Amino acid sequence: MIAALLCPTVSQSAELLMYERAGCVWCARWDRDVGPVYDKTDEAKVLPLRRINLDKPATGSVELTAPVHFTPTFVVSDHGREIGRITGYINDDAFWGLLGTLLSKIEPRPQPDHS
């Protein structure tokens, strides 16, 4: 299913937002387990990672379905709107499985024809 999402018709307006705080043990665990490889994955091609520190003023607006209270919280957004989230981090297997489910909710959009 991921392969279908990686075709050239997928809009790059989708992203993965990681809400974090300094001193968050679970954020550090994600950084150790997933952080070094995330940018090299197929998922990152569709959902580039943008980190947001909850203790700093927000930059760039995303229409969230609910406030973020816990860290880490991963929000999948598409065209500035939340389409799903993962609250917390247990381990890399759970993260990749949940992310795959959210990734399947992104609608492919036709790209302009340059011919």
N, C-alpha and C. Protein backbone atom coordinates (compact mmCIF):
# COMPACT_ATOMS: atom_id res chain seq x y z
N MET A 1 0.82 -1.19 0.00
CA MET A 1 0.00 0.00 0.00
C MET A 1 0.87 1.26 0.00
N ILE A 2 1.99 1.23 0.71
CA ILE A 2 2.87 2.40 0.75
C ILE A 2 3.40 2.72 -0.64
N ALA A 3 3.68 1.70 -1.43
CA ALA A 3 4.20 1.95 -2.78
C ALA A 3 3.23 2.79 -3.59
N ALA A 4 1.94 2.53 -3.44
CA ALA A 4 0.94 3.32 -4.17
C ALA A 4 0.96 4.77 -3.74
N LEU A 5 1.30 5.02 -2.49
CA LEU A 5 1.34 6.39 -2.00
C LEU A 5 2.60 7.13 -2.42
N LEU A 6 3.60 6.40 -2.88
CA LEU A 6 4.86 7.04 -3.25
C LEU A 6 4.94 7.40 -4.72
N CYS A 7 3.89 7.16 -5.46
CA CYS A 7 3.89 7.51 -6.87
C CYS A 7 3.95 9.02 -7.03
N PRO A 8 4.33 9.53 -8.19
CA PRO A 8 4.49 10.96 -8.38
C PRO A 8 3.22 11.77 -8.20
N THR A 9 2.06 11.12 -8.08
CA THR A 9 0.82 11.89 -7.94
C THR A 9 0.56 12.33 -6.51
N VAL A 10 1.40 11.93 -5.56
CA VAL A 10 1.20 12.31 -4.17
C VAL A 10 1.72 13.72 -3.95
N SER A 11 0.88 14.55 -3.37
CA SER A 11 1.25 15.93 -3.09
C SER A 11 2.26 15.98 -1.96
N GLN A 12 3.23 16.87 -2.04
CA GLN A 12 4.22 17.01 -0.99
C GLN A 12 3.76 17.96 0.09
N SER A 13 2.49 18.32 0.12
CA SER A 13 2.00 19.21 1.16
C SER A 13 1.74 18.44 2.46
N ALA A 14 1.80 17.14 2.43
CA ALA A 14 1.62 16.34 3.64
C ALA A 14 2.92 16.36 4.44
N GLU A 15 2.78 16.27 5.77
CA GLU A 15 3.97 16.22 6.61
C GLU A 15 3.65 15.53 7.93
N LEU A 16 4.71 15.12 8.60
CA LEU A 16 4.60 14.53 9.93
C LEU A 16 5.13 15.56 10.91
N LEU A 17 4.26 16.00 11.81
CA LEU A 17 4.65 16.97 12.83
C LEU A 17 4.95 16.20 14.11
N MET A 18 6.11 16.45 14.69
CA MET A 18 6.47 15.84 15.97
C MET A 18 6.45 16.92 17.02
N TYR A 19 5.46 16.86 17.90
CA TYR A 19 5.36 17.79 19.02
C TYR A 19 6.20 17.21 20.15
N GLU A 20 7.14 18.02 20.66
CA GLU A 20 8.08 17.55 21.66
C GLU A 20 8.36 18.65 22.69
N ARG A 21 9.04 18.26 23.76
CA ARG A 21 9.49 19.18 24.81
C ARG A 21 10.88 18.77 25.24
N ALA A 22 11.67 19.73 25.69
CA ALA A 22 12.98 19.42 26.26
C ALA A 22 12.77 18.54 27.49
N GLY A 23 13.61 17.54 27.65
CA GLY A 23 13.53 16.65 28.80
C GLY A 23 12.54 15.51 28.65
N CYS A 24 11.86 15.41 27.52
CA CYS A 24 10.89 14.32 27.29
C CYS A 24 11.66 13.02 27.04
N VAL A 25 11.54 12.08 27.97
CA VAL A 25 12.24 10.80 27.87
C VAL A 25 11.80 10.01 26.65
N TRP A 26 10.49 10.04 26.36
CA TRP A 26 9.96 9.27 25.23
C TRP A 26 10.36 9.91 23.90
N CYS A 27 10.50 11.23 23.87
CA CYS A 27 11.01 11.91 22.67
C CYS A 27 12.45 11.47 22.41
N ALA A 28 13.25 11.42 23.48
CA ALA A 28 14.65 10.98 23.36
C ALA A 28 14.73 9.54 22.88
N ARG A 29 13.82 8.71 23.35
CA ARG A 29 13.80 7.31 22.90
C ARG A 29 13.46 7.23 21.42
N TRP A 30 12.48 8.04 20.96
CA TRP A 30 12.15 8.07 19.53
C TRP A 30 13.36 8.56 18.73
N ASP A 31 14.03 9.59 19.25
CA ASP A 31 15.24 10.11 18.58
C ASP A 31 16.30 9.02 18.43
N ARG A 32 16.43 8.18 19.44
CA ARG A 32 17.41 7.10 19.40
C ARG A 32 16.99 5.97 18.46
N ASP A 33 15.72 5.58 18.54
CA ASP A 33 15.25 4.41 17.79
C ASP A 33 14.91 4.70 16.33
N VAL A 34 14.24 5.80 16.09
CA VAL A 34 13.68 6.10 14.77
C VAL A 34 14.37 7.29 14.10
N GLY A 35 14.72 8.28 14.89
CA GLY A 35 15.29 9.52 14.36
C GLY A 35 16.40 9.35 13.33
N PRO A 36 17.40 8.48 13.59
CA PRO A 36 18.50 8.35 12.64
C PRO A 36 18.10 7.79 11.27
N VAL A 37 17.00 7.06 11.20
CA VAL A 37 16.62 6.44 9.93
C VAL A 37 15.42 7.09 9.26
N TYR A 38 14.66 7.88 10.00
CA TYR A 38 13.39 8.36 9.45
C TYR A 38 13.55 9.04 8.10
N ASP A 39 14.48 9.97 7.98
CA ASP A 39 14.65 10.72 6.73
C ASP A 39 15.05 9.84 5.54
N LYS A 40 15.48 8.63 5.80
CA LYS A 40 15.91 7.72 4.74
C LYS A 40 14.80 6.77 4.29
N THR A 41 13.61 6.90 4.88
CA THR A 41 12.54 5.94 4.61
C THR A 41 11.59 6.43 3.52
N ASP A 42 10.82 5.49 3.00
CA ASP A 42 9.78 5.83 2.03
C ASP A 42 8.72 6.72 2.67
N GLU A 43 8.44 6.46 3.95
CA GLU A 43 7.46 7.27 4.66
C GLU A 43 7.88 8.74 4.69
N ALA A 44 9.15 9.01 4.88
CA ALA A 44 9.65 10.39 4.94
C ALA A 44 9.52 11.10 3.59
N LYS A 45 9.51 10.34 2.51
CA LYS A 45 9.33 10.95 1.19
C LYS A 45 7.93 11.53 1.05
N VAL A 46 6.97 10.89 1.68
CA VAL A 46 5.58 11.35 1.64
C VAL A 46 5.30 12.32 2.80
N LEU A 47 5.89 12.03 3.96
CA LEU A 47 5.65 12.80 5.18
C LEU A 47 6.96 13.34 5.75
N PRO A 48 7.49 14.40 5.18
CA PRO A 48 8.71 14.97 5.78
C PRO A 48 8.43 15.38 7.22
N LEU A 49 9.43 15.23 8.07
CA LEU A 49 9.29 15.50 9.49
C LEU A 49 9.51 16.98 9.79
N ARG A 50 8.58 17.54 10.59
CA ARG A 50 8.77 18.90 11.11
C ARG A 50 8.57 18.82 12.62
N ARG A 51 9.59 19.26 13.36
CA ARG A 51 9.53 19.23 14.83
C ARG A 51 8.96 20.53 15.36
N ILE A 52 8.11 20.38 16.38
CA ILE A 52 7.50 21.56 17.01
C ILE A 52 7.69 21.42 18.52
N ASN A 53 8.38 22.39 19.11
CA ASN A 53 8.58 22.40 20.56
C ASN A 53 7.38 23.07 21.21
N LEU A 54 6.68 22.33 22.07
CA LEU A 54 5.48 22.86 22.71
C LEU A 54 5.77 24.03 23.65
N ASP A 55 7.02 24.18 24.06
CA ASP A 55 7.38 25.26 24.98
C ASP A 55 7.76 26.56 24.26
N LYS A 56 7.71 26.56 22.96
CA LYS A 56 8.05 27.74 22.17
C LYS A 56 6.84 28.18 21.36
N PRO A 57 6.80 29.45 20.97
CA PRO A 57 5.67 29.92 20.15
C PRO A 57 5.57 29.11 18.85
N ALA A 58 4.35 28.78 18.49
CA ALA A 58 4.12 27.99 17.28
C ALA A 58 4.42 28.80 16.02
N THR A 59 5.00 28.13 15.05
CA THR A 59 5.23 28.73 13.73
C THR A 59 4.55 27.84 12.70
N GLY A 60 3.89 28.45 11.75
CA GLY A 60 3.17 27.67 10.75
C GLY A 60 1.93 27.06 11.36
N SER A 61 0.83 27.26 10.72
CA SER A 61 -0.41 26.80 11.33
C SER A 61 -0.88 25.49 10.70
N VAL A 62 -1.37 24.62 11.56
CA VAL A 62 -2.01 23.38 11.14
C VAL A 62 -3.32 23.31 11.89
N GLU A 63 -4.37 22.98 11.19
CA GLU A 63 -5.68 22.85 11.80
C GLU A 63 -5.75 21.52 12.53
N LEU A 64 -5.62 21.56 13.87
CA LEU A 64 -5.63 20.36 14.69
C LEU A 64 -7.06 20.00 15.08
N THR A 65 -7.31 18.70 15.28
CA THR A 65 -8.63 18.25 15.72
C THR A 65 -8.79 18.41 17.22
N ALA A 66 -7.68 18.53 17.95
CA ALA A 66 -7.69 18.71 19.40
C ALA A 66 -6.32 19.27 19.81
N PRO A 67 -6.24 19.94 20.95
CA PRO A 67 -4.94 20.44 21.40
C PRO A 67 -3.96 19.29 21.68
N VAL A 68 -2.69 19.58 21.57
CA VAL A 68 -1.65 18.61 21.90
C VAL A 68 -1.22 18.86 23.34
N HIS A 69 -1.31 17.82 24.18
CA HIS A 69 -0.94 17.94 25.59
C HIS A 69 0.25 17.08 25.96
N PHE A 70 0.47 15.98 25.24
CA PHE A 70 1.49 15.01 25.61
C PHE A 70 2.58 14.96 24.56
N THR A 71 3.80 14.64 25.00
CA THR A 71 4.91 14.51 24.08
C THR A 71 5.52 13.12 24.23
N PRO A 72 5.99 12.57 23.12
CA PRO A 72 5.79 13.11 21.79
C PRO A 72 4.37 12.83 21.28
N THR A 73 3.88 13.73 20.48
CA THR A 73 2.66 13.51 19.71
C THR A 73 3.03 13.73 18.25
N PHE A 74 2.69 12.78 17.42
CA PHE A 74 2.97 12.84 15.98
C PHE A 74 1.66 13.10 15.26
N VAL A 75 1.60 14.19 14.52
CA VAL A 75 0.39 14.55 13.78
C VAL A 75 0.69 14.46 12.29
N VAL A 76 -0.11 13.71 11.58
CA VAL A 76 -0.01 13.66 10.13
C VAL A 76 -0.96 14.74 9.61
N SER A 77 -0.39 15.69 8.87
CA SER A 77 -1.22 16.75 8.30
C SER A 77 -1.12 16.69 6.78
N ASP A 78 -2.19 17.10 6.15
CA ASP A 78 -2.24 17.16 4.70
C ASP A 78 -2.94 18.46 4.34
N HIS A 79 -2.27 19.29 3.59
CA HIS A 79 -2.79 20.61 3.22
C HIS A 79 -3.19 21.42 4.45
N GLY A 80 -2.37 21.33 5.51
CA GLY A 80 -2.59 22.14 6.70
C GLY A 80 -3.67 21.66 7.64
N ARG A 81 -4.18 20.44 7.41
CA ARG A 81 -5.24 19.89 8.27
C ARG A 81 -4.82 18.53 8.82
N GLU A 82 -5.08 18.33 10.09
CA GLU A 82 -4.76 17.05 10.72
C GLU A 82 -5.64 15.95 10.15
N ILE A 83 -4.99 14.84 9.78
CA ILE A 83 -5.76 13.68 9.34
C ILE A 83 -5.62 12.51 10.31
N GLY A 84 -4.75 12.65 11.29
CA GLY A 84 -4.58 11.62 12.31
C GLY A 84 -3.38 11.91 13.17
N ARG A 85 -3.31 11.21 14.32
CA ARG A 85 -2.18 11.42 15.22
C ARG A 85 -1.83 10.16 15.97
N ILE A 86 -0.58 10.15 16.42
CA ILE A 86 -0.06 9.11 17.30
C ILE A 86 0.35 9.84 18.57
N THR A 87 -0.27 9.50 19.68
CA THR A 87 0.07 10.13 20.95
C THR A 87 0.97 9.18 21.72
N GLY A 88 2.18 9.65 22.01
CA GLY A 88 3.15 8.86 22.74
C GLY A 88 4.04 8.02 21.84
N TYR A 89 5.01 7.39 22.46
CA TYR A 89 5.93 6.50 21.75
C TYR A 89 6.26 5.35 22.68
N ILE A 90 6.02 4.13 22.19
CA ILE A 90 6.33 2.93 22.97
C ILE A 90 7.60 2.27 22.43
N ASN A 91 7.57 1.97 21.13
CA ASN A 91 8.73 1.37 20.47
C ASN A 91 8.62 1.59 18.97
N ASP A 92 9.69 1.25 18.26
CA ASP A 92 9.70 1.53 16.82
C ASP A 92 8.68 0.69 16.05
N ASP A 93 8.45 -0.56 16.44
CA ASP A 93 7.46 -1.38 15.74
C ASP A 93 6.06 -0.76 15.81
N ALA A 94 5.67 -0.34 17.00
CA ALA A 94 4.35 0.29 17.16
C ALA A 94 4.28 1.58 16.36
N PHE A 95 5.34 2.38 16.39
CA PHE A 95 5.35 3.65 15.66
C PHE A 95 5.16 3.42 14.16
N TRP A 96 5.95 2.51 13.58
CA TRP A 96 5.87 2.28 12.13
C TRP A 96 4.50 1.73 11.74
N GLY A 97 3.94 0.85 12.56
CA GLY A 97 2.61 0.30 12.27
C GLY A 97 1.54 1.37 12.28
N LEU A 98 1.55 2.21 13.31
CA LEU A 98 0.56 3.29 13.41
C LEU A 98 0.76 4.32 12.31
N LEU A 99 2.01 4.63 11.99
CA LEU A 99 2.28 5.59 10.93
C LEU A 99 1.79 5.06 9.59
N GLY A 100 1.98 3.78 9.34
CA GLY A 100 1.48 3.18 8.10
C GLY A 100 -0.02 3.31 7.95
N THR A 101 -0.73 3.14 9.05
CA THR A 101 -2.19 3.29 9.04
C THR A 101 -2.57 4.73 8.68
N LEU A 102 -1.89 5.70 9.29
CA LEU A 102 -2.18 7.11 9.00
C LEU A 102 -1.79 7.48 7.57
N LEU A 103 -0.69 6.93 7.11
CA LEU A 103 -0.21 7.22 5.75
C LEU A 103 -1.24 6.77 4.71
N SER A 104 -1.95 5.70 5.00
CA SER A 104 -2.94 5.20 4.05
C SER A 104 -4.14 6.14 3.91
N LYS A 105 -4.28 7.10 4.81
CA LYS A 105 -5.40 8.05 4.76
C LYS A 105 -5.12 9.25 3.87
N ILE A 106 -3.89 9.38 3.40
CA ILE A 106 -3.55 10.52 2.55
C ILE A 106 -4.04 10.24 1.15
N GLU A 107 -4.78 11.19 0.61
CA GLU A 107 -5.35 11.06 -0.73
C GLU A 107 -4.34 11.50 -1.77
N PRO A 108 -4.01 10.63 -2.72
CA PRO A 108 -3.13 11.06 -3.83
C PRO A 108 -3.82 12.15 -4.63
N ARG A 109 -3.07 13.15 -5.05
CA ARG A 109 -3.61 14.23 -5.85
C ARG A 109 -2.86 14.30 -7.17
N PRO A 110 -3.56 14.53 -8.24
CA PRO A 110 -2.88 14.65 -9.54
C PRO A 110 -1.94 15.85 -9.54
N GLN A 111 -0.80 15.66 -10.15
CA GLN A 111 0.15 16.75 -10.33
C GLN A 111 -0.08 17.38 -11.69
N PRO A 112 0.29 18.64 -11.87
CA PRO A 112 0.12 19.28 -13.17
C PRO A 112 0.87 18.52 -14.25
N ASP A 113 0.25 18.45 -15.42
CA ASP A 113 0.88 17.78 -16.56
C ASP A 113 1.83 18.77 -17.23
N HIS A 114 3.12 18.41 -17.27
CA HIS A 114 4.13 19.31 -17.83
C HIS A 114 4.51 18.93 -19.25
N SER A 115 3.65 18.21 -19.95
CA SER A 115 4.01 17.80 -21.32
C SER A 115 3.53 18.81 -22.34
